[in-house]
PDB file of N, CA and C in Angstrom:
ATOM      1  N   GLN A   1      89.285  98.966 104.405  1.00  0.00           N
ATOM      2  CA  GLN A   1      90.106 100.271 104.761  1.00  0.00           C
ATOM      3  C   GLN A   1      91.150  99.389 105.925  1.00  0.00           C
ATOM      4  N   VAL A   2      92.364 100.080 106.159  1.00  0.00           N
ATOM      5  CA  VAL A   2      93.280  99.858 107.181  1.00  0.00           C
ATOM      6  C   VAL A   2      93.672 100.851 108.102  1.00  0.00           C
ATOM      7  N   GLN A   3      93.446 100.842 109.134  1.00  0.00           N
ATOM      8  CA  GLN A   3      93.939 101.793 110.133  1.00  0.00           C
ATOM      9  C   GLN A   3      95.312 101.284 110.853  1.00  0.00           C
ATOM     10  N   VAL A   4      96.047 102.626 110.697  1.00  0.00           N
ATOM     11  CA  VAL A   4      97.603 102.400 111.102  1.00  0.00           C
ATOM     12  C   VAL A   4      97.611 103.547 112.387  1.00  0.00           C
ATOM     13  N   VAL A   5      98.117 102.710 113.676  1.00  0.00           N
ATOM     14  CA  VAL A   5      98.281 103.935 114.786  1.00  0.00           C
ATOM     15  C   VAL A   5      99.582 103.829 115.498  1.00  0.00           C
ATOM     16  N   GLU A   6     100.159 104.696 115.344  1.00  0.00           N
ATOM     17  CA  GLU A   6     101.659 104.593 116.386  1.00  0.00           C
ATOM     18  C   GLU A   6     101.579 105.160 117.406  1.00  0.00           C
ATOM     19  N   SER A   7     102.480 104.988 118.582  1.00  0.00           N
ATOM     20  CA  SER A   7     102.724 105.580 119.662  1.00  0.00           C
ATOM     21  C   SER A   7     103.956 105.158 120.331  1.00  0.00           C
ATOM     22  N   GLY A   8     104.126 105.959 121.580  1.00  0.00           N
ATOM     23  CA  GLY A   8     105.457 105.774 122.059  1.00  0.00           C
ATOM     24  C   GLY A   8     106.379 106.500 121.972  1.00  0.00           C
ATOM     25  N   GLY A   9     106.330 107.495 121.051  1.00  0.00           N
ATOM     26  CA  GLY A   9     107.194 108.659 120.653  1.00  0.00           C
ATOM     27  C   GLY A   9     107.675 109.439 122.444  1.00  0.00           C
ATOM     28  N   GLY A  10     108.354 110.276 121.918  1.00  0.00           N
ATOM     29  CA  GLY A  10     108.596 111.134 123.347  1.00  0.00           C
ATOM     30  C   GLY A  10     110.025 111.910 123.329  1.00  0.00           C
ATOM     31  N   MET A  11     110.206 112.354 124.456  1.00  0.00           N
ATOM     32  CA  MET A  11     111.575 113.493 124.577  1.00  0.00           C
ATOM     33  C   MET A  11     112.315 112.546 125.495  1.00  0.00           C
ATOM     34  N   VAL A  12     113.627 112.282 124.906  1.00  0.00           N
ATOM     35  CA  VAL A  12     114.714 111.569 125.670  1.00  0.00           C
ATOM     36  C   VAL A  12     116.075 112.237 125.597  1.00  0.00           C
ATOM     37  N   GLN A  13     117.028 111.546 126.174  1.00  0.00           N
ATOM     38  CA  GLN A  13     118.442 112.272 125.883  1.00  0.00           C
ATOM     39  C   GLN A  13     119.364 111.095 125.386  1.00  0.00           C
ATOM     40  N   ALA A  14     119.894 111.541 124.866  1.00  0.00           N
ATOM     41  CA  ALA A  14     121.180 110.885 124.139  1.00  0.00           C
ATOM     42  C   ALA A  14     121.570 109.232 124.784  1.00  0.00           C
ATOM     43  N   GLY A  15     121.523 108.270 124.412  1.00  0.00           N
ATOM     44  CA  GLY A  15     122.146 107.180 124.871  1.00  0.00           C
ATOM     45  C   GLY A  15     120.856 106.599 125.398  1.00  0.00           C
ATOM     46  N   ASP A  16     119.708 106.968 125.609  1.00  0.00           N
ATOM     47  CA  ASP A  16     118.542 106.638 126.179  1.00  0.00           C
ATOM     48  C   ASP A  16     118.067 105.447 124.871  1.00  0.00           C
ATOM     49  N   SER A  17     116.815 104.758 125.614  1.00  0.00           N
ATOM     50  CA  SER A  17     116.227 103.997 124.637  1.00  0.00           C
ATOM     51  C   SER A  17     114.805 104.093 124.741  1.00  0.00           C
ATOM     52  N   LEU A  18     114.131 103.658 123.538  1.00  0.00           N
ATOM     53  CA  LEU A  18     112.750 104.291 123.274  1.00  0.00           C
ATOM     54  C   LEU A  18     112.007 103.247 122.378  1.00  0.00           C
ATOM     55  N   THR A  19     110.653 102.580 122.921  1.00  0.00           N
ATOM     56  CA  THR A  19     110.180 101.581 122.038  1.00  0.00           C
ATOM     57  C   THR A  19     108.851 102.287 121.509  1.00  0.00           C
ATOM     58  N   LEU A  20     108.922 102.094 120.161  1.00  0.00           N
ATOM     59  CA  LEU A  20     107.636 102.817 119.310  1.00  0.00           C
ATOM     60  C   LEU A  20     106.555 101.148 119.116  1.00  0.00           C
ATOM     61  N   SER A  21     105.409 101.692 119.080  1.00  0.00           N
ATOM     62  CA  SER A  21     104.635 100.471 118.794  1.00  0.00           C
ATOM     63  C   SER A  21     103.690 101.138 117.474  1.00  0.00           C
ATOM     64  N   CYS A  22     103.090 100.017 117.047  1.00  0.00           N
ATOM     65  CA  CYS A  22     101.947 100.447 115.719  1.00  0.00           C
ATOM     66  C   CYS A  22     101.163  99.166 115.515  1.00  0.00           C
ATOM     67  N   THR A  23     100.034  99.916 115.612  1.00  0.00           N
ATOM     68  CA  THR A  23      98.880  98.632 115.302  1.00  0.00           C
ATOM     69  C   THR A  23      98.228  98.896 114.020  1.00  0.00           C
ATOM     70  N   ALA A  24      98.137  97.807 113.241  1.00  0.00           N
ATOM     71  CA  ALA A  24      97.251  98.345 111.714  1.00  0.00           C
ATOM     72  C   ALA A  24      95.764  97.436 112.225  1.00  0.00           C
ATOM     73  N   SER A  25      95.148  97.671 112.033  1.00  0.00           N
ATOM     74  CA  SER A  25      93.819  96.836 111.638  1.00  0.00           C
ATOM     75  C   SER A  25      92.490  97.373 111.081  1.00  0.00           C
ATOM     76  N   GLY A  26      91.459  96.869 110.904  1.00  0.00           N
ATOM     77  CA  GLY A  26      90.606  97.250 109.746  1.00  0.00           C
ATOM     78  C   GLY A  26      90.022  95.830 108.997  1.00  0.00           C
ATOM     79  N   ARG A  27      90.770  94.959 108.998  1.00  0.00           N
ATOM     80  CA  ARG A  27      90.281  93.994 108.138  1.00  0.00           C
ATOM     81  C   ARG A  27      90.465  92.349 108.942  1.00  0.00           C
ATOM     82  N   PRO A  28      89.630  91.873 109.485  1.00  0.00           N
ATOM     83  CA  PRO A  28      89.803  90.553 110.219  1.00  0.00           C
ATOM     84  C   PRO A  28      90.484  89.878 109.884  1.00  0.00           C
ATOM     85  N   GLY A  29      91.361  89.084 110.691  1.00  0.00           N
ATOM     86  CA  GLY A  29      92.339  88.419 110.216  1.00  0.00           C
ATOM     87  C   GLY A  29      93.608  88.753 109.534  1.00  0.00           C
ATOM     88  N   GLY A  30      93.520  89.992 109.273  1.00  0.00           N
ATOM     89  CA  GLY A  30      94.672  90.768 108.257  1.00  0.00           C
ATOM     90  C   GLY A  30      95.927  90.916 109.154  1.00  0.00           C
ATOM     91  N   ARG A  31      96.862  90.489 108.350  1.00  0.00           N
ATOM     92  CA  ARG A  31      98.316  90.337 108.845  1.00  0.00           C
ATOM     93  C   ARG A  31      99.072  90.736 107.769  1.00  0.00           C
ATOM     94  N   TYR A  32      99.940  91.862 108.165  1.00  0.00           N
ATOM     95  CA  TYR A  32     100.758  92.902 106.951  1.00  0.00           C
ATOM     96  C   TYR A  32     102.253  92.658 107.075  1.00  0.00           C
ATOM     97  N   SER A  33     102.973  93.005 106.041  1.00  0.00           N
ATOM     98  CA  SER A  33     104.418  93.127 106.336  1.00  0.00           C
ATOM     99  C   SER A  33     104.030  94.668 106.538  1.00  0.00           C
ATOM    100  N   MET A  34     104.944  95.191 107.551  1.00  0.00           N
ATOM    101  CA  MET A  34     104.860  96.743 108.258  1.00  0.00           C
ATOM    102  C   MET A  34     106.205  97.465 108.169  1.00  0.00           C
ATOM    103  N   GLY A  35     106.509  98.431 107.931  1.00  0.00           N
ATOM    104  CA  GLY A  35     107.627  99.152 107.848  1.00  0.00           C
ATOM    105  C   GLY A  35     107.688 100.662 108.778  1.00  0.00           C
ATOM    106  N   TRP A  36     108.646 101.079 109.207  1.00  0.00           N
ATOM    107  CA  TRP A  36     108.894 101.918 109.577  1.00  0.00           C
ATOM    108  C   TRP A  36     110.069 102.987 109.012  1.00  0.00           C
ATOM    109  N   PHE A  37     109.748 104.399 109.019  1.00  0.00           N
ATOM    110  CA  PHE A  37     109.899 105.105 108.369  1.00  0.00           C
ATOM    111  C   PHE A  37     110.099 106.594 109.191  1.00  0.00           C
ATOM    112  N   ARG A  38     111.132 107.513 108.631  1.00  0.00           N
ATOM    113  CA  ARG A  38     111.371 108.958 109.732  1.00  0.00           C
ATOM    114  C   ARG A  38     111.236 109.870 108.775  1.00  0.00           C
ATOM    115  N   GLY A  39     111.218 111.005 109.314  1.00  0.00           N
ATOM    116  CA  GLY A  39     111.521 112.408 108.542  1.00  0.00           C
ATOM    117  C   GLY A  39     110.521 112.747 107.404  1.00  0.00           C
ATOM    118  N   PRO A  40     110.267 113.963 106.833  1.00  0.00           N
ATOM    119  CA  PRO A  40     109.448 114.428 105.934  1.00  0.00           C
ATOM    120  C   PRO A  40     110.253 113.381 104.741  1.00  0.00           C
ATOM    121  N   GLY A  41     111.246 113.109 104.579  1.00  0.00           N
ATOM    122  CA  GLY A  41     111.639 112.477 103.222  1.00  0.00           C
ATOM    123  C   GLY A  41     111.364 110.928 103.064  1.00  0.00           C
ATOM    124  N   ARG A  42     110.746 110.662 104.465  1.00  0.00           N
ATOM    125  CA  ARG A  42     110.336 109.022 104.610  1.00  0.00           C
ATOM    126  C   ARG A  42     111.531 108.290 104.180  1.00  0.00           C
ATOM    127  N   GLU A  43     112.855 108.539 105.235  1.00  0.00           N
ATOM    128  CA  GLU A  43     113.847 107.388 105.295  1.00  0.00           C
ATOM    129  C   GLU A  43     113.263 106.368 105.920  1.00  0.00           C
ATOM    130  N   PHE A  44     113.717 105.222 105.312  1.00  0.00           N
ATOM    131  CA  PHE A  44     113.626 103.927 105.715  1.00  0.00           C
ATOM    132  C   PHE A  44     114.356 103.413 106.791  1.00  0.00           C
ATOM    133  N   VAL A  45     113.638 102.931 107.654  1.00  0.00           N
ATOM    134  CA  VAL A  45     114.150 102.516 109.287  1.00  0.00           C
ATOM    135  C   VAL A  45     114.184 101.174 109.036  1.00  0.00           C
ATOM    136  N   ALA A  46     113.215 100.482 109.030  1.00  0.00           N
ATOM    137  CA  ALA A  46     113.135  99.029 109.601  1.00  0.00           C
ATOM    138  C   ALA A  46     112.060  98.410 108.923  1.00  0.00           C
ATOM    139  N   HIS A  47     112.094  97.032 108.639  1.00  0.00           N
ATOM    140  CA  HIS A  47     110.739  96.498 108.337  1.00  0.00           C
ATOM    141  C   HIS A  47     110.779  94.784 108.408  1.00  0.00           C
ATOM    142  N   ILE A  48     109.609  94.279 108.831  1.00  0.00           N
ATOM    143  CA  ILE A  48     109.429  93.059 108.910  1.00  0.00           C
ATOM    144  C   ILE A  48     108.002  92.511 108.399  1.00  0.00           C
ATOM    145  N   THR A  49     108.217  91.382 107.896  1.00  0.00           N
ATOM    146  CA  THR A  49     107.560  90.535 106.891  1.00  0.00           C
ATOM    147  C   THR A  49     106.021  90.018 107.669  1.00  0.00           C
ATOM    148  N   TRP A  50     104.952  89.841 107.130  1.00  0.00           N
ATOM    149  CA  TRP A  50     103.788  89.627 108.033  1.00  0.00           C
ATOM    150  C   TRP A  50     103.899  88.568 108.847  1.00  0.00           C
ATOM    151  N   SER A  51     104.885  87.397 108.775  1.00  0.00           N
ATOM    152  CA  SER A  51     104.838  86.490 109.290  1.00  0.00           C
ATOM    153  C   SER A  51     105.813  86.580 110.743  1.00  0.00           C
ATOM    154  N   GLY A  52     106.704  87.681 110.442  1.00  0.00           N
ATOM    155  CA  GLY A  52     107.981  88.117 111.328  1.00  0.00           C
ATOM    156  C   GLY A  52     108.766  87.245 111.214  1.00  0.00           C
ATOM    157  N   SER A  53     108.877  86.483 110.354  1.00  0.00           N
ATOM    158  CA  SER A  53     109.954  85.766 109.860  1.00  0.00           C
ATOM    159  C   SER A  53     111.658  86.202 109.209  1.00  0.00           C
ATOM    160  N   SER A  54     111.499  87.245 108.865  1.00  0.00           N
ATOM    161  CA  SER A  54     112.537  88.225 108.342  1.00  0.00           C
ATOM    162  C   SER A  54     112.406  89.520 108.563  1.00  0.00           C
ATOM    163  N   THR A  55     113.470  90.190 109.138  1.00  0.00           N
ATOM    164  CA  THR A  55     113.572  91.716 109.160  1.00  0.00           C
ATOM    165  C   THR A  55     114.569  92.637 108.502  1.00  0.00           C
ATOM    166  N   TYR A  56     114.437  93.532 108.137  1.00  0.00           N
ATOM    167  CA  TYR A  56     115.495  94.537 107.411  1.00  0.00           C
ATOM    168  C   TYR A  56     115.469  95.991 108.003  1.00  0.00           C
ATOM    169  N   TYR A  57     116.880  96.381 108.026  1.00  0.00           N
ATOM    170  CA  TYR A  57     117.135  97.480 108.354  1.00  0.00           C
ATOM    171  C   TYR A  57     118.048  98.364 107.473  1.00  0.00           C
ATOM    172  N   ALA A  58     117.947  99.656 107.795  1.00  0.00           N
ATOM    173  CA  ALA A  58     118.519 100.592 107.167  1.00  0.00           C
ATOM    174  C   ALA A  58     120.184 100.319 107.716  1.00  0.00           C
ATOM    175  N   ASP A  59     121.111 100.410 106.633  1.00  0.00           N
ATOM    176  CA  ASP A  59     122.186 100.089 107.399  1.00  0.00           C
ATOM    177  C   ASP A  59     123.004 100.907 108.204  1.00  0.00           C
ATOM    178  N   SER A  60     122.593 101.968 108.222  1.00  0.00           N
ATOM    179  CA  SER A  60     123.220 103.158 109.294  1.00  0.00           C
ATOM    180  C   SER A  60     122.481 102.910 110.899  1.00  0.00           C
ATOM    181  N   LEU A  61     121.441 101.867 110.938  1.00  0.00           N
ATOM    182  CA  LEU A  61     120.766 101.656 112.121  1.00  0.00           C
ATOM    183  C   LEU A  61     120.763 100.204 112.429  1.00  0.00           C
ATOM    184  N   LYS A  62     121.540  99.353 111.866  1.00  0.00           N
ATOM    185  CA  LYS A  62     121.578  98.302 112.471  1.00  0.00           C
ATOM    186  C   LYS A  62     122.411  97.953 113.491  1.00  0.00           C
ATOM    187  N   GLY A  63     122.152  97.152 114.453  1.00  0.00           N
ATOM    188  CA  GLY A  63     122.740  97.212 115.815  1.00  0.00           C
ATOM    189  C   GLY A  63     122.134  98.015 116.749  1.00  0.00           C
ATOM    190  N   ARG A  64     121.346  98.825 116.110  1.00  0.00           N
ATOM    191  CA  ARG A  64     120.672 100.251 117.445  1.00  0.00           C
ATOM    192  C   ARG A  64     119.556  99.894 117.500  1.00  0.00           C
ATOM    193  N   PHE A  65     119.000  99.642 116.450  1.00  0.00           N
ATOM    194  CA  PHE A  65     117.421  99.444 116.331  1.00  0.00           C
ATOM    195  C   PHE A  65     116.862  97.865 116.050  1.00  0.00           C
ATOM    196  N   THR A  66     115.564  97.614 116.490  1.00  0.00           N
ATOM    197  CA  THR A  66     115.028  96.205 116.469  1.00  0.00           C
ATOM    198  C   THR A  66     113.698  96.356 116.383  1.00  0.00           C
ATOM    199  N   ILE A  67     113.307  95.611 115.215  1.00  0.00           N
ATOM    200  CA  ILE A  67     112.064  95.641 114.664  1.00  0.00           C
ATOM    201  C   ILE A  67     111.143  94.175 115.236  1.00  0.00           C
ATOM    202  N   SER A  68     110.236  94.011 115.734  1.00  0.00           N
ATOM    203  CA  SER A  68     109.761  92.628 116.048  1.00  0.00           C
ATOM    204  C   SER A  68     108.139  93.212 116.047  1.00  0.00           C
ATOM    205  N   ARG A  69     107.369  91.876 116.245  1.00  0.00           N
ATOM    206  CA  ARG A  69     105.868  91.968 116.002  1.00  0.00           C
ATOM    207  C   ARG A  69     105.322  91.102 117.175  1.00  0.00           C
ATOM    208  N   ASP A  70     104.311  91.389 117.473  1.00  0.00           N
ATOM    209  CA  ASP A  70     103.358  90.396 118.106  1.00  0.00           C
ATOM    210  C   ASP A  70     102.221  90.077 117.370  1.00  0.00           C
ATOM    211  N   GLY A  71     102.405  88.792 116.653  1.00  0.00           N
ATOM    212  CA  GLY A  71     101.229  88.241 115.685  1.00  0.00           C
ATOM    213  C   GLY A  71      99.768  88.458 116.452  1.00  0.00           C
ATOM    214  N   ALA A  72      99.586  88.046 117.609  1.00  0.00           N
ATOM    215  CA  ALA A  72      98.458  87.790 118.254  1.00  0.00           C
ATOM    216  C   ALA A  72      97.546  89.337 118.018  1.00  0.00           C
ATOM    217  N   LYS A  73      98.393  90.407 118.356  1.00  0.00           N
ATOM    218  CA  LYS A  73      97.778  91.731 118.541  1.00  0.00           C
ATOM    219  C   LYS A  73      97.921  92.656 117.354  1.00  0.00           C
ATOM    220  N   ASN A  74      98.672  91.680 116.379  1.00  0.00           N
ATOM    221  CA  ASN A  74      99.000  92.496 114.919  1.00  0.00           C
ATOM    222  C   ASN A  74      99.744  93.866 115.393  1.00  0.00           C
ATOM    223  N   THR A  75     100.511  94.100 116.293  1.00  0.00           N
ATOM    224  CA  THR A  75     101.117  94.933 116.640  1.00  0.00           C
ATOM    225  C   THR A  75     102.925  94.804 116.579  1.00  0.00           C
ATOM    226  N   VAL A  76     103.205  95.922 115.616  1.00  0.00           N
ATOM    227  CA  VAL A  76     104.939  96.079 115.317  1.00  0.00           C
ATOM    228  C   VAL A  76     105.373  97.248 116.681  1.00  0.00           C
ATOM    229  N   TYR A  77     106.658  96.558 116.885  1.00  0.00           N
ATOM    230  CA  TYR A  77     107.391  97.399 117.868  1.00  0.00           C
ATOM    231  C   TYR A  77     108.812  97.769 117.083  1.00  0.00           C
ATOM    232  N   LEU A  78     109.266  99.108 117.219  1.00  0.00           N
ATOM    233  CA  LEU A  78     110.690  99.398 117.080  1.00  0.00           C
ATOM    234  C   LEU A  78     111.190  99.718 118.177  1.00  0.00           C
ATOM    235  N   GLN A  79     112.434  98.884 118.827  1.00  0.00           N
ATOM    236  CA  GLN A  79     113.137  99.275 119.943  1.00  0.00           C
ATOM    237  C   GLN A  79     114.169  99.889 119.709  1.00  0.00           C
ATOM    238  N   MET A  80     114.500 101.223 119.910  1.00  0.00           N
ATOM    239  CA  MET A  80     115.611 102.119 119.785  1.00  0.00           C
ATOM    240  C   MET A  80     116.637 102.328 120.684  1.00  0.00           C
ATOM    241  N   ASN A  81     117.800 101.836 120.429  1.00  0.00           N
ATOM    242  CA  ASN A  81     118.596 101.937 121.698  1.00  0.00           C
ATOM    243  C   ASN A  81     119.558 102.825 121.478  1.00  0.00           C
ATOM    244  N   SER A  82     120.128 103.205 122.455  1.00  0.00           N
ATOM    245  CA  SER A  82     121.620 104.447 122.100  1.00  0.00           C
ATOM    246  C   SER A  82     121.310 105.569 121.139  1.00  0.00           C
ATOM    247  N   LEU A  83     120.097 106.231 121.811  1.00  0.00           N
ATOM    248  CA  LEU A  83     119.672 107.405 120.794  1.00  0.00           C
ATOM    249  C   LEU A  83     120.574 108.353 120.354  1.00  0.00           C
ATOM    250  N   LYS A  84     120.333 108.706 119.491  1.00  0.00           N
ATOM    251  CA  LYS A  84     121.520 110.150 119.205  1.00  0.00           C
ATOM    252  C   LYS A  84     120.591 111.487 118.391  1.00  0.00           C
ATOM    253  N   PRO A  85     121.164 112.520 119.088  1.00  0.00           N
ATOM    254  CA  PRO A  85     120.323 113.712 118.618  1.00  0.00           C
ATOM    255  C   PRO A  85     119.724 113.676 116.939  1.00  0.00           C
ATOM    256  N   GLU A  86     120.592 112.872 115.940  1.00  0.00           N
ATOM    257  CA  GLU A  86     120.179 112.551 114.971  1.00  0.00           C
ATOM    258  C   GLU A  86     119.280 112.063 114.326  1.00  0.00           C
ATOM    259  N   ASP A  87     118.724 111.098 115.240  1.00  0.00           N
ATOM    260  CA  ASP A  87     117.501 110.122 115.521  1.00  0.00           C
ATOM    261  C   ASP A  87     116.226 111.165 115.788  1.00  0.00           C
ATOM    262  N   THR A  88     116.419 112.356 116.105  1.00  0.00           N
ATOM    263  CA  THR A  88     115.376 113.173 116.247  1.00  0.00           C
ATOM    264  C   THR A  88     114.616 113.003 114.931  1.00  0.00           C
ATOM    265  N   ALA A  89     113.240 112.864 114.814  1.00  0.00           N
ATOM    266  CA  ALA A  89     112.104 112.859 113.722  1.00  0.00           C
ATOM    267  C   ALA A  89     110.971 112.520 114.111  1.00  0.00           C
ATOM    268  N   VAL A  90     109.890 112.647 113.066  1.00  0.00           N
ATOM    269  CA  VAL A  90     108.846 111.805 113.382  1.00  0.00           C
ATOM    270  C   VAL A  90     108.860 110.808 112.652  1.00  0.00           C
ATOM    271  N   TYR A  91     108.479 109.335 113.526  1.00  0.00           N
ATOM    272  CA  TYR A  91     108.326 108.185 112.871  1.00  0.00           C
ATOM    273  C   TYR A  91     107.246 107.543 112.537  1.00  0.00           C
ATOM    274  N   TYR A  92     107.140 107.205 111.194  1.00  0.00           N
ATOM    275  CA  TYR A  92     105.961 106.903 110.665  1.00  0.00           C
ATOM    276  C   TYR A  92     105.971 105.070 110.230  1.00  0.00           C
ATOM    277  N   CYS A  93     104.741 104.297 110.585  1.00  0.00           N
ATOM    278  CA  CYS A  93     104.516 103.290 110.383  1.00  0.00           C
ATOM    279  C   CYS A  93     103.630 103.075 109.516  1.00  0.00           C
ATOM    280  N   ALA A  94     103.974 102.052 108.637  1.00  0.00           N
ATOM    281  CA  ALA A  94     103.145 101.865 107.208  1.00  0.00           C
ATOM    282  C   ALA A  94     103.011 100.265 107.088  1.00  0.00           C
ATOM    283  N   ALA A  95     101.903 100.115 106.347  1.00  0.00           N
ATOM    284  CA  ALA A  95     101.459  98.621 105.938  1.00  0.00           C
ATOM    285  C   ALA A  95     101.397  98.412 104.545  1.00  0.00           C
ATOM    286  N   GLN A  96     101.922  97.307 104.307  1.00  0.00           N
ATOM    287  CA  GLN A  96     101.820  96.589 102.679  1.00  0.00           C
ATOM    288  C   GLN A  96     100.819  95.623 102.851  1.00  0.00           C
ATOM    289  N   VAL A  97      99.692  96.028 102.029  1.00  0.00           N
ATOM    290  CA  VAL A  97      98.556  95.460 102.029  1.00  0.00           C
ATOM    291  C   VAL A  97      98.340  94.922 100.767  1.00  0.00           C
ATOM    292  N   TYR A  98      98.599  95.741  99.519  1.00  0.00           N
ATOM    293  CA  TYR A  98      98.150  95.545  98.430  1.00  0.00           C
ATOM    294  C   TYR A  98      99.654  95.397  97.566  1.00  0.00           C
ATOM    295  N   ASN A  99     100.831  95.973  98.168  1.00  0.00           N
ATOM    296  CA  ASN A  99     102.085  96.047  97.189  1.00  0.00           C
ATOM    297  C   ASN A  99     102.860  94.910  98.171  1.00  0.00           C
ATOM    298  N   GLY A 100     103.819  94.644  97.367  1.00  0.00           N
ATOM    299  CA  GLY A 100     104.884  93.548  97.652  1.00  0.00           C
ATOM    300  C   GLY A 100     106.079  93.790  97.368  1.00  0.00           C
ATOM    301  N   GLY A 101     106.525  95.127  97.062  1.00  0.00           N
ATOM    302  CA  GLY A 101     107.583  95.728  96.222  1.00  0.00           C
ATOM    303  C   GLY A 101     108.555  95.880  97.528  1.00  0.00           C
ATOM    304  N   CYS A 102     109.555  96.558  96.887  1.00  0.00           N
ATOM    305  CA  CYS A 102     110.781  96.801  97.879  1.00  0.00           C
ATOM    306  C   CYS A 102     110.273  97.385  99.200  1.00  0.00           C
ATOM    307  N   TYR A 103     111.067  96.678 100.115  1.00  0.00           N
ATOM    308  CA  TYR A 103     110.742  97.204 101.616  1.00  0.00           C
ATOM    309  C   TYR A 103     111.393  98.500 102.001  1.00  0.00           C
ATOM    310  N   GLY A 104     112.089  98.764 101.114  1.00  0.00           N
ATOM    311  CA  GLY A 104     112.961 100.204 101.427  1.00  0.00           C
ATOM    312  C   GLY A 104     112.326 101.498 100.874  1.00  0.00           C
ATOM    313  N   SER A 105     111.034 101.319 100.054  1.00  0.00           N
ATOM    314  CA  SER A 105     110.835 102.441  99.447  1.00  0.00           C
ATOM    315  C   SER A 105     109.328 102.565 100.066  1.00  0.00           C
ATOM    316  N   SER A 106     109.059 103.634 100.215  1.00  0.00           N
ATOM    317  CA  SER A 106     107.930 104.191 101.159  1.00  0.00           C
ATOM    318  C   SER A 106     106.441 104.248  99.743  1.00  0.00           C
ATOM    319  N   ASP A 107     106.809 103.945  98.567  1.00  0.00           N
ATOM    320  CA  ASP A 107     105.745 103.909  97.616  1.00  0.00           C
ATOM    321  C   ASP A 107     105.111 102.580  97.932  1.00  0.00           C
ATOM    322  N   SER A 108     106.163 101.693  98.359  1.00  0.00           N
ATOM    323  CA  SER A 108     105.750 100.201  98.355  1.00  0.00           C
ATOM    324  C   SER A 108     104.581  99.866  99.585  1.00  0.00           C
ATOM    325  N   TYR A 109     104.146 100.948 100.294  1.00  0.00           N
ATOM    326  CA  TYR A 109     103.030 101.114 101.504  1.00  0.00           C
ATOM    327  C   TYR A 109     101.789 101.420 101.121  1.00  0.00           C
ATOM    328  N   ASP A 110     100.770 100.825 101.692  1.00  0.00           N
ATOM    329  CA  ASP A 110      99.448 101.305 101.220  1.00  0.00           C
ATOM    330  C   ASP A 110      98.805 102.101 101.975  1.00  0.00           C
ATOM    331  N   TYR A 111      99.037 101.867 103.529  1.00  0.00           N
ATOM    332  CA  TYR A 111      98.468 102.668 104.415  1.00  0.00           C
ATOM    333  C   TYR A 111      99.483 103.074 105.764  1.00  0.00           C
ATOM    334  N   TRP A 112      99.368 104.381 105.852  1.00  0.00           N
ATOM    335  CA  TRP A 112     100.615 105.087 106.739  1.00  0.00           C
ATOM    336  C   TRP A 112      99.847 105.736 107.817  1.00  0.00           C
ATOM    337  N   GLY A 113     100.480 105.628 109.306  1.00  0.00           N
ATOM    338  CA  GLY A 113      99.760 106.097 110.332  1.00  0.00           C
ATOM    339  C   GLY A 113     100.107 107.541 110.448  1.00  0.00           C
ATOM    340  N   GLN A 114      99.868 108.324 111.540  1.00  0.00           N
ATOM    341  CA  GLN A 114      99.712 109.799 111.459  1.00  0.00           C
ATOM    342  C   GLN A 114     101.234 110.235 112.111  1.00  0.00           C
ATOM    343  N   GLY A 115     102.177 109.420 112.651  1.00  0.00           N
ATOM    344  CA  GLY A 115     103.324 109.740 112.827  1.00  0.00           C
ATOM    345  C   GLY A 115     103.590 109.889 114.574  1.00  0.00           C
ATOM    346  N   THR A 116     104.703 109.691 115.143  1.00  0.00           N
ATOM    347  CA  THR A 116     104.880 109.845 116.465  1.00  0.00           C
ATOM    348  C   THR A 116     106.238 110.556 116.567  1.00  0.00           C
ATOM    349  N   LEU A 117     106.695 111.737 117.306  1.00  0.00           N
ATOM    350  CA  LEU A 117     107.456 112.419 117.174  1.00  0.00           C
ATOM    351  C   LEU A 117     108.521 111.849 118.295  1.00  0.00           C
ATOM    352  N   VAL A 118     109.691 111.729 117.941  1.00  0.00           N
ATOM    353  CA  VAL A 118     111.064 111.211 118.695  1.00  0.00           C
ATOM    354  C   VAL A 118     111.744 112.596 118.847  1.00  0.00           C
ATOM    355  N   SER A 119     112.244 112.914 119.937  1.00  0.00           N
ATOM    356  CA  SER A 119     113.128 114.080 120.108  1.00  0.00           C
ATOM    357  C   SER A 119     114.255 113.738 121.092  1.00  0.00           C
ATOM    358  N   VAL A 120     115.384 113.768 120.467  1.00  0.00           N
ATOM    359  CA  VAL A 120     116.594 113.169 121.439  1.00  0.00           C
ATOM    360  C   VAL A 120     117.387 114.770 121.535  1.00  0.00           C
ATOM    361  N   SER A 121     117.714 114.910 122.535  1.00  0.00           N
ATOM    362  CA  SER A 121     118.560 115.861 123.273  1.00  0.00           C
ATOM    363  C   SER A 121     119.957 115.599 123.547  1.00  0.00           C
ATOM    364  N   ALA A 122     121.083 116.272 123.313  1.00  0.00           N
ATOM    365  CA  ALA A 122     122.172 116.142 123.439  1.00  0.00           C
ATOM    366  C   ALA A 122     122.535 115.896 125.026  1.00  0.00           C
TER     367      ALA A 122
END
């Protein structure tokens, strides 16, 4: 079993920045490819491979959002800059433990966090 926990959400104003954190734990030495999604429809936001060597983003978010990881802590970060009201959503972190499928599909992830709310006011 793998536990995924997000943190860092909050209320900000348009143009502000915010960094979300996500930690996956439960398996000694386990390192997983991780993704961020948002909203009830689980819109793909970003993905980072287990090694951190590759990252992928939703086209609409490239240049504003950055995903990174601290391998020693098995923690993944989502740096969000120039936030807009339309970025308001619950952001979910997910881990690919068994699957290795399409990084942009929520079906490719095995374990999910409870979500953290990001609210951006105009």
